[in-house]
Amino acid sequence: MATVQSLTKEVEEQSKLYNELRLKNAEAAELDAVRKRLGELKKSLAIANNGADGSKEGGKKKERLLLKTAKGTRDYGPGEMFCREHVERIVKECFVLYGGCALDTPVFERKDILAGKYGEDAKLIFDLEDQGGEQLALRYDHTVPLARYLAMGGATNTQSKLWQVGKVYRRDNPVMSKGRMREFSQADFDISGLWDTMIPDAEIISLLCTILSRLDIGEFTVKLNHRKILDGIFEVCGVPAEKIRPISSAVDKLDKLPWAEVKKEMTEEKGLDPSSADKIGEYVKHKGGRQLVSQLLEDKTLTANANAKQGLDEMVVLFDFLDAYKISDKISFDLSLARGLDYYTGIIYEAIVEASAPPGFKQADALAAADAPSTAPPPKKKAAKKAAGAEEEEEVDESQVGVGSIAAGGRYDNLVAMFTSAAAGEAKKGLPCVGVSVGLDRIFAIVWSKWVERGMRSKETMAYVMAAGDGLLTERMGLVQELREAGIRTDFLAKKKPKLPAQFAAGERDEVPFAIILGGDELKAGLVTVKEQKWELVNGKKTKVESADKGTQVKRAELVQWLKDTTTFKEWSSGRWA
């Protein structure tokens, strides 16, 4: 094999030969042959040097690394993470407030654990390559791993309240700007065990309303339905037993598709008789509150169905509890709510806000007559560029998609039993459960724009220690440590003798409200100078408020208490910066 040295020598010799022939006015054919050979040698030399020049006659270019995140994933910068942590902190505080204990489960599971739990959404599960003989998949939600955990404990963990916060994965078409991604964070709270009817269900809905009321998301509604009522409706409308789950999945799309599209899916794709579809349409158009429950109880055809009657009786009890929690005004009993997951057995719910529906879409459009023109077409899709050997996918037009529900859940009484029975090879008693999942990324998509508009801060640092004069590095370090030990988030500029303007600039970049200035004379007198800084929004941009105030001299021994007594310190957890 030719080396760089030998190729270099050949290039020199071939170049010399070409120049000699050119000077002798050699025939064109001979010149072309030598020139061609020279080009080949130069190309070989470039490859040998690992630097092909990419010219028309050059070798293959070295491929460049594409610096980007995988489809459906994203990075969050420090400012965004500060906001996300604020949201997550509120959610966790509410979980603890309601008596919950934390749980953590693996981010991937055995594939057979996840199989058969998600209905038509099973195609969205991320499979992993075979690892050591185990077929694995990334978790789709927190509910199935929780049920597996309870089953592994023998389903004896009665009357527990467990919460989880972590990443889950779905191979869906992402809509990044709306918080709909392939990797996203969910916060779950579940109550397991035998309780009296509807008490834990009402507790979960109360928890959800508490969380959403404490987050800055605006007005919200919790849509509520019951799987037994919905199944009863399907049965009295003539839906065969084997089609109930597929038809339920179609009805679940009424929050984003017009009735005509949903009916078409039920009849043309899933083979339901059109007359049965029309009967379903008459039921699912209803929504309301306690009065709708009373109205349905007067429907003799519906109440003759055992499933529907049991569901309606439980809804009567539930509304009594929701009144006691003072949250009935947040509830909409909506018969079009279906929740597509197979494991739900009782009450189901989801929380929505104004941004949940696609732009221009109203639920009235969804429930319009099948022959009426719809004002809200389905989301437009555009073909994605297909990479070599990749499976072709469609990309959704983000301008045509809403955030969707920001939280959802329901009762799943048989999921734990599915695991215990499968493990024992015979029917085993399970553990009733009810829970809710909060979509942290979707909430962040709503909260972040408001956070920016209002000028919320992006870092926790409260005090910045500076030196006027000779640097005073060890003195700055000592005070920084003292303040940190007192629970005050403090920083300083990591230079020996920084100039005072550079120190102020560093503190201002992080919007630190307290500049604490050390001086030689003040140190001898046991004093420090504290200058409080504020920012304001000017034309949508945060600007420091200029002040002639030179600061306040505070006794070093009293500094910690002085800072803690300020309004800024007391309001710090709200995320405000001024």
Protein backbone atom coordinates (compact mmCIF):
# COMPACT_ATOMS: atom_id res chain seq x y z
CA MET A 1 0.00 0.00 0.00
CA ALA A 2 1.34 3.44 -0.99
CA THR A 3 2.51 5.66 1.85
CA VAL A 4 2.27 9.44 2.11
CA GLN A 5 6.00 9.66 1.39
CA SER A 6 5.86 7.46 -1.72
CA LEU A 7 2.78 9.27 -3.05
CA THR A 8 4.43 12.64 -2.48
CA LYS A 9 7.44 11.47 -4.49
CA GLU A 10 5.20 10.17 -7.30
CA VAL A 11 3.29 13.46 -7.44
CA GLU A 12 6.57 15.38 -7.72
CA GLU A 13 7.84 13.07 -10.49
CA GLN A 14 4.54 13.20 -12.40
CA SER A 15 4.43 16.99 -12.11
CA LYS A 16 7.97 17.22 -13.45
CA LEU A 17 7.08 14.92 -16.36
CA TYR A 18 3.96 16.95 -17.19
CA ASN A 19 5.94 20.22 -17.24
CA GLU A 20 8.64 18.70 -19.47
CA LEU A 21 6.06 17.40 -21.99
CA ARG A 22 4.28 20.76 -22.01
CA LEU A 23 7.54 22.58 -22.76
CA LYS A 24 8.27 20.11 -25.60
CA ASN A 25 4.80 20.76 -27.08
CA ALA A 26 3.93 17.07 -26.76
CA GLU A 27 0.75 15.71 -28.31
CA ALA A 28 -2.48 16.54 -26.52
CA ALA A 29 -3.38 12.88 -25.91
CA GLU A 30 -0.08 12.27 -24.15
CA LEU A 31 -0.47 15.42 -22.04
CA ASP A 32 -4.04 14.43 -21.06
CA ALA A 33 -2.88 10.97 -19.95
CA VAL A 34 -0.13 12.39 -17.77
CA ARG A 35 -2.43 15.09 -16.36
CA LYS A 36 -5.07 12.47 -15.52
CA ARG A 37 -2.52 10.34 -13.75
CA LEU A 38 -1.30 13.38 -11.82
CA GLY A 39 -4.86 14.08 -10.68
CA GLU A 40 -5.29 10.52 -9.46
CA LEU A 41 -2.04 10.67 -7.54
CA LYS A 42 -3.00 13.98 -5.89
CA LYS A 43 -6.37 12.52 -4.89
CA SER A 44 -4.69 9.47 -3.36
CA LEU A 45 -2.28 11.73 -1.49
CA ALA A 46 -5.14 13.84 -0.12
CA ILE A 47 -6.96 10.73 1.10
CA ALA A 48 -3.77 9.45 2.66
CA ASN A 49 -3.42 12.76 4.47
CA ASN A 50 -7.08 12.42 5.60
CA GLY A 51 -7.98 15.64 3.85
CA ALA A 52 -9.75 15.14 0.53
CA ASP A 53 -10.48 18.54 -0.97
CA GLY A 54 -13.93 17.66 -2.35
CA SER A 55 -13.31 19.09 -5.84
CA LYS A 56 -15.02 17.54 -8.82
CA GLU A 57 -12.07 15.24 -9.31
CA GLY A 58 -11.42 14.93 -5.58
CA GLY A 59 -12.23 12.12 -3.25
CA LYS A 60 -15.21 11.70 -0.98
CA LYS A 61 -15.64 14.46 1.61
CA LYS A 62 -15.23 13.57 5.23
CA GLU A 63 -18.72 13.57 6.72
CA ARG A 64 -19.42 16.34 9.21
CA LEU A 65 -21.07 15.71 12.54
CA LEU A 66 -24.65 16.96 12.62
CA LEU A 67 -25.00 18.78 15.92
CA LYS A 68 -28.68 18.52 16.85
CA THR A 69 -30.91 16.70 19.30
CA ALA A 70 -32.87 13.63 18.22
CA LYS A 71 -36.34 14.18 16.75
CA GLY A 72 -38.91 14.96 19.41
CA THR A 73 -36.34 15.93 22.04
CA ARG A 74 -34.83 19.24 23.08
CA ASP A 75 -32.44 20.92 25.49
CA TYR A 76 -33.60 23.36 28.17
CA GLY A 77 -31.29 26.26 28.99
CA PRO A 78 -30.70 27.61 32.51
CA GLY A 79 -33.52 30.17 32.31
CA GLU A 80 -36.01 27.59 31.07
CA MET A 81 -34.90 25.09 33.68
CA PHE A 82 -35.46 27.65 36.42
CA CYS A 83 -39.06 27.96 35.25
CA ARG A 84 -39.47 24.17 34.87
CA GLU A 85 -38.12 23.57 38.36
CA HIS A 86 -40.56 26.17 39.69
CA VAL A 87 -43.44 24.24 38.08
CA GLU A 88 -42.14 20.89 39.28
CA ARG A 89 -41.62 22.20 42.80
CA ILE A 90 -45.27 23.30 43.03
CA VAL A 91 -46.46 19.91 41.77
CA LYS A 92 -44.29 18.00 44.27
CA GLU A 93 -45.39 20.24 47.14
CA CYS A 94 -49.01 19.41 46.33
CA PHE A 95 -48.21 15.69 46.15
CA VAL A 96 -46.72 15.84 49.64
CA LEU A 97 -49.60 18.05 50.84
CA TYR A 98 -52.02 15.25 49.92
CA GLY A 99 -50.06 12.60 51.82
CA GLY A 100 -48.04 11.09 48.99
CA CYS A 101 -44.72 9.21 49.16
CA ALA A 102 -42.15 9.26 46.34
CA LEU A 103 -41.42 6.28 44.08
CA ASP A 104 -38.87 5.85 41.29
CA THR A 105 -39.04 3.14 38.62
CA PRO A 106 -36.62 2.28 35.76
CA VAL A 107 -36.83 4.34 32.57
CA PHE A 108 -36.98 1.10 30.57
CA GLU A 109 -38.98 -2.07 31.18
CA ARG A 110 -39.17 -5.59 29.84
CA LYS A 111 -41.20 -5.37 26.66
CA ASP A 112 -43.74 -7.97 27.83
CA ILE A 113 -44.54 -5.74 30.82
CA LEU A 114 -45.71 -2.95 28.51
CA ALA A 115 -47.36 -5.14 25.86
CA GLY A 116 -51.15 -5.22 25.67
CA LYS A 117 -51.77 -2.21 27.93
CA TYR A 118 -52.14 0.70 25.52
CA GLY A 119 -54.56 -0.37 22.79
CA GLU A 120 -53.98 1.40 19.48
CA ASP A 121 -51.22 3.50 21.05
CA ALA A 122 -49.00 0.43 21.47
CA LYS A 123 -47.36 1.37 18.15
CA LEU A 124 -45.89 4.42 19.90
CA ILE A 125 -43.73 2.36 22.28
CA PHE A 126 -39.98 2.78 21.76
CA ASP A 127 -38.38 -0.67 21.46
CA LEU A 128 -34.74 -1.15 22.46
CA GLU A 129 -32.21 -3.48 20.90
CA ASP A 130 -31.99 -6.89 22.55
CA GLN A 131 -29.77 -6.56 25.61
CA GLY A 132 -28.42 -9.70 27.20
CA GLY A 133 -31.39 -11.79 26.15
CA GLU A 134 -34.08 -9.37 27.39
CA GLN A 135 -36.48 -7.64 25.02
CA LEU A 136 -36.76 -4.11 26.39
CA ALA A 137 -38.68 -0.90 25.71
CA LEU A 138 -38.65 2.64 27.08
CA ARG A 139 -41.53 3.28 29.46
CA TYR A 140 -44.63 4.81 27.86
CA ASP A 141 -46.04 6.18 31.12
CA HIS A 142 -45.64 5.79 34.89
CA THR A 143 -48.87 3.85 35.42
CA VAL A 144 -47.85 0.44 34.07
CA PRO A 145 -44.45 0.49 35.88
CA LEU A 146 -46.32 1.37 39.10
CA ALA A 147 -48.70 -1.56 38.61
CA ARG A 148 -45.72 -3.84 37.98
CA TYR A 149 -44.10 -2.54 41.18
CA LEU A 150 -47.26 -3.19 43.22
CA ALA A 151 -47.62 -6.66 41.71
CA MET A 152 -44.00 -7.51 42.57
CA GLY A 153 -44.84 -6.62 46.17
CA GLY A 154 -47.64 -9.17 46.12
CA ALA A 155 -50.37 -6.54 45.67
CA THR A 156 -50.45 -6.17 49.46
CA ASN A 157 -49.51 -2.48 49.56
CA THR A 158 -53.04 -1.45 50.53
CA GLN A 159 -54.25 2.11 50.83
CA SER A 160 -51.04 3.77 49.64
CA LYS A 161 -50.48 7.13 47.98
CA LEU A 162 -47.44 7.09 45.68
CA TRP A 163 -46.06 9.73 43.33
CA GLN A 164 -43.46 9.69 40.57
CA VAL A 165 -41.84 12.41 38.47
CA GLY A 166 -39.71 11.50 35.46
CA LYS A 167 -39.24 11.12 31.71
CA VAL A 168 -41.47 8.93 29.54
CA TYR A 169 -41.18 8.15 25.83
CA ARG A 170 -43.61 7.89 22.90
CA ARG A 171 -42.77 7.49 19.23
CA ASP A 172 -45.31 10.10 18.19
CA ASN A 173 -45.18 12.97 15.70
CA PRO A 174 -43.80 15.75 17.90
CA VAL A 175 -45.14 19.31 18.13
CA MET A 176 -42.29 20.92 20.03
CA SER A 177 -43.77 24.39 20.53
CA LYS A 178 -46.82 22.87 22.25
CA GLY A 179 -44.86 20.64 24.61
CA ARG A 180 -45.81 17.49 22.67
CA MET A 181 -42.58 15.51 22.34
CA ARG A 182 -41.12 12.04 22.13
CA GLU A 183 -39.27 12.46 25.41
CA PHE A 184 -41.25 14.35 28.02
CA SER A 185 -41.75 14.65 31.76
CA GLN A 186 -44.81 13.47 33.63
CA ALA A 187 -45.72 13.77 37.29
CA ASP A 188 -48.04 11.02 38.55
CA PHE A 189 -49.98 10.58 41.78
CA ASP A 190 -51.77 7.27 42.39
CA ILE A 191 -53.90 5.87 45.21
CA SER A 192 -54.03 2.10 45.53
CA GLY A 193 -56.04 -0.22 47.73
CA LEU A 194 -59.59 -0.87 48.89
CA TRP A 195 -61.41 2.32 49.84
CA ASP A 196 -65.07 3.27 50.05
CA THR A 197 -66.72 4.17 46.73
CA MET A 198 -65.39 7.28 44.95
CA ILE A 199 -63.46 8.69 47.93
CA PRO A 200 -59.98 8.26 46.40
CA ASP A 201 -61.35 9.30 43.00
CA ALA A 202 -62.59 12.60 44.45
CA GLU A 203 -59.29 13.01 46.32
CA ILE A 204 -57.33 12.71 43.07
CA ILE A 205 -59.55 15.25 41.26
CA SER A 206 -59.20 17.64 44.23
CA LEU A 207 -55.41 17.24 44.05
CA LEU A 208 -55.45 18.00 40.32
CA CYS A 209 -57.50 21.18 40.85
CA THR A 210 -55.16 22.28 43.65
CA ILE A 211 -52.10 21.85 41.42
CA LEU A 212 -53.60 23.69 38.46
CA SER A 213 -54.87 26.52 40.67
CA ARG A 214 -51.36 27.10 42.01
CA LEU A 215 -49.76 27.11 38.57
CA ASP A 216 -50.02 30.17 36.34
CA ILE A 217 -52.01 28.55 33.52
CA GLY A 218 -55.21 30.61 33.58
CA GLU A 219 -58.71 29.15 33.57
CA PHE A 220 -58.96 25.37 33.34
CA THR A 221 -61.67 22.72 33.14
CA VAL A 222 -61.53 19.11 34.29
CA LYS A 223 -63.51 16.97 31.84
CA LEU A 224 -65.01 13.95 33.54
CA ASN A 225 -66.60 10.71 32.36
CA HIS A 226 -66.97 7.09 33.46
CA ARG A 227 -65.83 4.09 31.44
CA LYS A 228 -68.82 2.05 32.61
CA ILE A 229 -71.22 4.75 31.41
CA LEU A 230 -69.42 4.99 28.10
CA ASP A 231 -69.33 1.20 27.65
CA GLY A 232 -73.02 1.08 28.54
CA ILE A 233 -73.77 3.68 25.88
CA PHE A 234 -71.87 1.66 23.30
CA GLU A 235 -73.72 -1.51 24.29
CA VAL A 236 -77.21 0.03 24.06
CA CYS A 237 -76.23 1.60 20.72
CA GLY A 238 -75.41 -1.81 19.29
CA VAL A 239 -71.61 -1.86 19.35
CA PRO A 240 -70.30 -5.45 19.41
CA ALA A 241 -68.16 -6.29 22.46
CA GLU A 242 -65.01 -6.75 20.37
CA LYS A 243 -65.39 -3.26 18.89
CA ILE A 244 -65.97 -1.33 22.14
CA ARG A 245 -62.32 -0.40 22.71
CA PRO A 246 -61.64 0.58 19.06
CA ILE A 247 -64.85 2.66 18.96
CA SER A 248 -63.91 4.24 22.29
CA SER A 249 -60.56 5.22 20.77
CA ALA A 250 -62.36 6.91 17.87
CA VAL A 251 -64.71 8.86 20.16
CA ASP A 252 -61.68 10.06 22.11
CA LYS A 253 -60.66 12.14 19.06
CA LEU A 254 -63.70 14.44 19.30
CA ASP A 255 -61.58 17.05 21.07
CA LYS A 256 -59.62 17.63 17.85
CA LEU A 257 -61.68 16.21 14.95
CA PRO A 258 -65.21 17.01 13.73
CA TRP A 259 -67.95 14.44 14.23
CA ALA A 260 -68.02 13.66 10.50
CA GLU A 261 -64.39 12.51 10.66
CA VAL A 262 -64.93 10.47 13.82
CA LYS A 263 -68.05 8.81 12.39
CA LYS A 264 -66.15 7.98 9.22
CA GLU A 265 -63.43 6.27 11.26
CA MET A 266 -66.02 4.29 13.22
CA THR A 267 -67.94 3.12 10.16
CA GLU A 268 -65.45 2.90 7.30
CA GLU A 269 -62.27 1.99 9.16
CA LYS A 270 -63.66 0.02 12.11
CA GLY A 271 -66.75 -1.48 10.50
CA LEU A 272 -69.45 -0.09 12.82
CA ASP A 273 -73.01 0.06 11.51
CA PRO A 274 -73.83 3.70 10.60
CA SER A 275 -77.08 3.59 12.60
CA SER A 276 -75.12 2.63 15.72
CA ALA A 277 -72.71 5.48 15.06
CA ASP A 278 -75.62 7.93 14.82
CA LYS A 279 -77.02 6.72 18.15
CA ILE A 280 -73.60 7.20 19.77
CA GLY A 281 -73.50 10.71 18.32
CA GLU A 282 -76.74 11.59 20.11
CA TYR A 283 -75.22 10.65 23.46
CA VAL A 284 -71.67 12.02 23.18
CA LYS A 285 -72.89 15.53 22.37
CA HIS A 286 -73.97 15.98 26.00
CA LYS A 287 -71.90 17.67 28.67
CA GLY A 288 -72.77 19.41 31.93
CA GLY A 289 -72.67 18.69 35.63
CA ARG A 290 -74.84 17.00 38.22
CA GLN A 291 -77.96 17.80 36.18
CA LEU A 292 -76.67 15.69 33.29
CA VAL A 293 -76.31 12.72 35.65
CA SER A 294 -79.95 13.16 36.68
CA GLN A 295 -80.98 13.44 33.02
CA LEU A 296 -79.23 10.18 32.12
CA LEU A 297 -80.75 8.38 35.11
CA GLU A 298 -84.15 9.11 33.58
CA ASP A 299 -83.12 7.38 30.35
CA LYS A 300 -84.78 3.95 30.83
CA THR A 301 -82.91 2.39 27.90
CA LEU A 302 -79.55 3.43 29.30
CA THR A 303 -80.24 2.56 32.95
CA ALA A 304 -81.40 -0.91 31.89
CA ASN A 305 -77.75 -1.55 31.12
CA ALA A 306 -75.94 -2.74 34.26
CA ASN A 307 -72.65 -1.02 33.37
CA ALA A 308 -74.26 2.33 32.71
CA LYS A 309 -76.41 2.18 35.86
CA GLN A 310 -73.44 1.42 38.09
CA GLY A 311 -71.44 4.23 36.53
CA LEU A 312 -74.26 6.76 36.94
CA ASP A 313 -74.81 5.77 40.59
CA GLU A 314 -71.09 6.30 41.26
CA MET A 315 -71.23 9.70 39.54
CA VAL A 316 -74.00 10.80 41.95
CA VAL A 317 -71.71 9.96 44.89
CA LEU A 318 -68.73 11.62 43.22
CA PHE A 319 -70.52 14.93 42.70
CA ASP A 320 -71.42 15.01 46.42
CA PHE A 321 -67.71 14.71 47.23
CA LEU A 322 -66.71 17.30 44.61
CA ASP A 323 -69.15 19.73 46.26
CA ALA A 324 -67.46 19.04 49.60
CA TYR A 325 -64.06 19.82 48.05
CA LYS A 326 -65.61 23.02 46.57
CA ILE A 327 -64.42 22.20 43.03
CA SER A 328 -67.67 21.36 41.21
CA ASP A 329 -67.42 24.62 39.27
CA LYS A 330 -64.22 23.31 37.64
CA ILE A 331 -65.86 20.07 36.45
CA SER A 332 -67.54 19.26 33.12
CA PHE A 333 -69.26 15.85 32.87
CA ASP A 334 -68.50 15.23 29.20
CA LEU A 335 -69.80 12.09 27.50
CA SER A 336 -67.39 12.53 24.57
CA LEU A 337 -64.38 11.93 26.84
CA ALA A 338 -63.14 8.38 26.26
CA ARG A 339 -59.38 8.15 27.08
CA GLY A 340 -57.84 5.71 24.63
CA LEU A 341 -55.81 3.53 27.02
CA ASP A 342 -57.14 0.01 27.54
CA TYR A 343 -56.51 -0.30 31.26
CA TYR A 344 -59.12 2.22 32.52
CA THR A 345 -62.14 0.63 34.23
CA GLY A 346 -64.02 3.46 35.97
CA ILE A 347 -63.84 7.21 36.32
CA ILE A 348 -61.72 9.02 33.69
CA TYR A 349 -60.76 12.69 33.46
CA GLU A 350 -58.50 15.18 31.76
CA ALA A 351 -57.69 18.84 32.37
CA ILE A 352 -57.83 21.33 29.52
CA VAL A 353 -57.15 25.03 29.04
CA GLU A 354 -57.94 27.45 26.23
CA ALA A 355 -54.75 26.44 24.38
CA SER A 356 -55.63 22.72 24.50
CA ALA A 357 -57.74 22.66 21.33
CA PRO A 358 -56.33 23.25 17.84
CA PRO A 359 -56.47 26.93 16.75
CA GLY A 360 -59.96 27.79 15.48
CA PHE A 361 -61.40 24.48 16.70
CA LYS A 362 -64.48 24.46 18.91
CA GLN A 363 -66.10 21.38 20.38
CA ALA A 364 -69.36 22.52 18.83
CA ASP A 365 -67.73 21.88 15.46
CA ALA A 366 -66.85 18.36 16.50
CA LEU A 367 -70.43 17.51 17.38
CA ALA A 368 -72.04 19.14 14.34
CA ALA A 369 -74.15 17.05 11.98
CA ALA A 370 -72.19 14.73 9.74
CA ASP A 371 -73.33 16.50 6.57
CA ALA A 372 -72.51 19.98 7.84
CA PRO A 373 -69.27 21.62 6.69
CA SER A 374 -66.61 21.72 9.36
CA THR A 375 -64.87 24.98 10.19
CA ALA A 376 -61.83 23.18 11.56
CA PRO A 377 -60.06 20.78 9.21
CA PRO A 378 -57.76 18.13 10.66
CA PRO A 379 -54.18 19.23 11.32
CA LYS A 380 -52.21 19.57 8.11
CA LYS A 381 -49.31 17.23 7.63
CA LYS A 382 -46.22 17.68 5.53
CA ALA A 383 -43.82 15.02 4.36
CA ALA A 384 -40.59 14.86 6.27
CA LYS A 385 -37.28 14.50 4.50
CA LYS A 386 -36.46 10.83 4.34
CA ALA A 387 -33.00 9.82 5.45
CA ALA A 388 -31.29 6.93 3.74
CA GLY A 389 -32.71 3.67 5.04
CA ALA A 390 -35.10 5.47 7.39
CA GLU A 391 -38.78 4.84 7.74
CA GLU A 392 -40.74 7.72 6.19
CA GLU A 393 -42.70 9.82 8.67
CA GLU A 394 -45.06 12.75 8.46
CA GLU A 395 -44.51 16.02 10.24
CA VAL A 396 -47.43 17.91 11.70
CA ASP A 397 -48.01 21.59 10.93
CA GLU A 398 -47.52 23.04 14.42
CA SER A 399 -49.72 26.07 13.71
CA GLN A 400 -52.70 23.73 13.36
CA VAL A 401 -52.21 21.83 16.63
CA GLY A 402 -53.22 22.63 20.20
CA VAL A 403 -51.39 21.80 23.42
CA GLY A 404 -53.89 19.04 24.18
CA SER A 405 -54.83 17.99 27.70
CA ILE A 406 -52.34 19.11 30.36
CA ALA A 407 -53.24 16.35 32.82
CA ALA A 408 -55.28 13.17 32.67
CA GLY A 409 -56.00 9.94 34.47
CA GLY A 410 -58.62 7.60 35.80
CA ARG A 411 -59.39 4.38 37.66
CA TYR A 412 -57.68 1.15 36.69
CA ASP A 413 -58.81 -1.69 38.95
CA ASN A 414 -57.54 -4.65 36.93
CA LEU A 415 -54.03 -3.66 35.86
CA VAL A 416 -52.21 -4.99 38.93
CA ALA A 417 -54.24 -8.22 38.68
CA MET A 418 -53.07 -8.64 35.08
CA PHE A 419 -49.50 -8.85 36.36
CA THR A 420 -50.12 -11.01 39.43
CA SER A 421 -52.22 -13.47 37.42
CA ALA A 422 -49.70 -13.64 34.56
CA ALA A 423 -46.89 -14.29 37.04
CA ALA A 424 -48.82 -17.03 38.85
CA GLY A 425 -50.26 -18.63 35.73
CA GLU A 426 -53.73 -18.44 37.24
CA ALA A 427 -56.30 -15.83 38.22
CA LYS A 428 -55.16 -13.76 41.17
CA LYS A 429 -56.73 -10.97 43.12
CA GLY A 430 -55.46 -7.54 42.13
CA LEU A 431 -55.33 -4.11 43.71
CA PRO A 432 -57.74 -1.30 42.72
CA CYS A 433 -55.97 1.94 41.76
CA VAL A 434 -56.84 5.45 40.63
CA GLY A 435 -54.40 8.14 39.56
CA VAL A 436 -53.56 11.23 37.57
CA SER A 437 -50.67 12.20 35.33
CA VAL A 438 -49.62 15.84 34.94
CA GLY A 439 -47.86 16.78 31.68
CA LEU A 440 -45.02 19.00 32.86
CA ASP A 441 -43.79 19.88 29.36
CA ARG A 442 -47.25 20.96 28.20
CA ILE A 443 -47.67 23.10 31.31
CA PHE A 444 -44.21 24.59 30.72
CA ALA A 445 -45.23 25.46 27.13
CA ILE A 446 -48.08 27.54 28.59
CA VAL A 447 -46.24 29.03 31.57
CA TRP A 448 -42.92 29.92 29.90
CA SER A 449 -44.26 32.68 27.65
CA LYS A 450 -45.98 34.31 30.64
CA TRP A 451 -42.80 33.90 32.68
CA VAL A 452 -40.82 35.80 30.04
CA GLU A 453 -43.47 38.49 29.54
CA ARG A 454 -43.54 39.23 33.25
CA GLY A 455 -39.77 39.37 33.58
CA MET A 456 -39.42 36.46 35.97
CA ARG A 457 -35.85 35.78 36.99
CA SER A 458 -33.78 32.93 35.60
CA LYS A 459 -31.37 32.18 38.44
CA GLU A 460 -31.51 31.69 42.22
CA THR A 461 -28.49 33.80 43.18
CA MET A 462 -29.62 36.39 45.74
CA ALA A 463 -26.38 38.06 46.81
CA TYR A 464 -23.15 38.93 44.97
CA VAL A 465 -20.11 39.71 47.13
CA MET A 466 -17.75 42.33 45.68
CA ALA A 467 -14.59 44.11 46.69
CA ALA A 468 -13.73 47.75 46.26
CA GLY A 469 -10.02 48.34 46.08
CA ASP A 470 -7.45 45.62 46.66
CA GLY A 471 -9.40 42.51 45.64
CA LEU A 472 -9.86 41.15 49.17
CA LEU A 473 -10.18 37.63 47.74
CA THR A 474 -10.02 35.63 50.97
CA GLU A 475 -12.32 38.12 52.69
CA ARG A 476 -14.84 37.71 49.86
CA MET A 477 -14.58 33.93 50.09
CA GLY A 478 -15.15 34.03 53.83
CA LEU A 479 -18.29 36.16 53.55
CA VAL A 480 -19.63 34.07 50.66
CA GLN A 481 -19.27 30.91 52.76
CA GLU A 482 -20.91 32.59 55.76
CA LEU A 483 -23.92 33.64 53.71
CA ARG A 484 -24.25 30.23 52.05
CA GLU A 485 -24.22 28.51 55.44
CA ALA A 486 -27.09 30.80 56.44
CA GLY A 487 -29.11 29.63 53.41
CA ILE A 488 -28.57 32.72 51.26
CA ARG A 489 -27.63 31.84 47.68
CA THR A 490 -24.42 33.77 47.06
CA ASP A 491 -21.74 34.11 44.38
CA PHE A 492 -18.63 36.16 43.59
CA LEU A 493 -16.27 36.83 40.67
CA ALA A 494 -13.48 34.24 40.58
CA LYS A 495 -10.62 36.70 40.07
CA LYS A 496 -7.93 37.90 42.48
CA LYS A 497 -8.22 41.63 41.88
CA PRO A 498 -11.33 42.29 39.78
CA LYS A 499 -12.37 45.83 39.02
CA LEU A 500 -15.60 46.93 40.69
CA PRO A 501 -17.48 47.61 37.37
CA ALA A 502 -16.64 44.07 36.20
CA GLN A 503 -18.07 42.66 39.43
CA PHE A 504 -21.26 44.68 39.09
CA ALA A 505 -21.60 43.54 35.47
CA ALA A 506 -21.25 39.88 36.50
CA GLY A 507 -23.92 40.26 39.19
CA GLU A 508 -26.25 42.12 36.86
CA ARG A 509 -26.06 39.37 34.23
CA ASP A 510 -27.68 37.07 36.79
CA GLU A 511 -30.05 39.82 38.01
CA VAL A 512 -28.78 39.45 41.57
CA PRO A 513 -30.80 41.78 43.83
CA PHE A 514 -28.16 42.40 46.51
CA ALA A 515 -24.65 43.66 45.78
CA ILE A 516 -22.57 43.33 48.97
CA ILE A 517 -19.44 45.47 48.77
CA LEU A 518 -16.37 45.00 50.96
CA GLY A 519 -13.88 47.80 51.55
CA GLY A 520 -10.74 47.91 53.64
CA ASP A 521 -11.96 50.64 56.02
CA GLU A 522 -15.44 49.08 56.33
CA LEU A 523 -13.95 45.69 57.20
CA LYS A 524 -11.93 47.23 60.01
CA ALA A 525 -15.11 48.84 61.32
CA GLY A 526 -17.09 45.57 61.02
CA LEU A 527 -19.32 46.94 58.24
CA VAL A 528 -20.34 46.03 54.70
CA THR A 529 -22.21 48.09 52.11
CA VAL A 530 -25.40 46.54 50.66
CA LYS A 531 -26.85 47.95 47.48
CA GLU A 532 -30.26 46.60 46.47
CA GLN A 533 -30.79 46.37 42.71
CA LYS A 534 -34.04 46.19 40.76
CA TRP A 535 -35.05 45.58 37.16
CA GLU A 536 -38.05 46.67 35.12
CA LEU A 537 -39.59 45.76 31.77
CA VAL A 538 -39.09 48.40 29.10
CA ASN A 539 -40.58 47.60 25.69
CA GLY A 540 -40.56 43.92 26.55
CA LYS A 541 -36.90 43.93 27.65
CA LYS A 542 -35.58 43.75 31.20
CA THR A 543 -33.54 46.81 32.16
CA LYS A 544 -31.82 47.64 35.42
CA VAL A 545 -33.44 50.50 37.30
CA GLU A 546 -30.81 53.22 37.64
CA SER A 547 -30.48 54.60 41.14
CA ALA A 548 -28.36 57.25 42.80
CA ASP A 549 -28.45 55.21 46.01
CA LYS A 550 -24.91 54.37 47.08
CA GLY A 551 -26.10 51.55 49.30
CA THR A 552 -26.71 50.93 52.99
CA GLN A 553 -24.01 50.23 55.52
CA VAL A 554 -24.85 47.15 57.58
CA LYS A 555 -22.99 45.62 60.49
CA ARG A 556 -21.26 42.45 59.37
CA ALA A 557 -22.67 40.51 62.34
CA GLU A 558 -26.23 41.59 61.45
CA LEU A 559 -25.99 41.09 57.66
CA VAL A 560 -27.73 37.70 57.46
CA GLN A 561 -30.75 38.84 59.46
CA TRP A 562 -30.88 42.15 57.57
CA LEU A 563 -31.12 40.27 54.26
CA LYS A 564 -33.74 37.85 55.59
CA ASP A 565 -35.91 40.70 56.81
CA THR A 566 -36.16 42.26 53.34
CA THR A 567 -39.28 41.92 51.20
CA THR A 568 -37.13 40.53 48.39
CA PHE A 569 -36.01 37.59 50.52
CA LYS A 570 -39.55 36.85 51.74
CA GLU A 571 -40.96 36.82 48.19
CA TRP A 572 -38.04 34.93 46.67
CA SER A 573 -39.85 31.62 46.13
CA SER A 574 -42.43 33.28 43.86
CA GLY A 575 -39.87 33.66 41.06
CA ARG A 576 -40.17 37.46 40.99
CA TRP A 577 -37.07 39.55 40.43
CA ALA A 578 -38.27 43.01 41.42
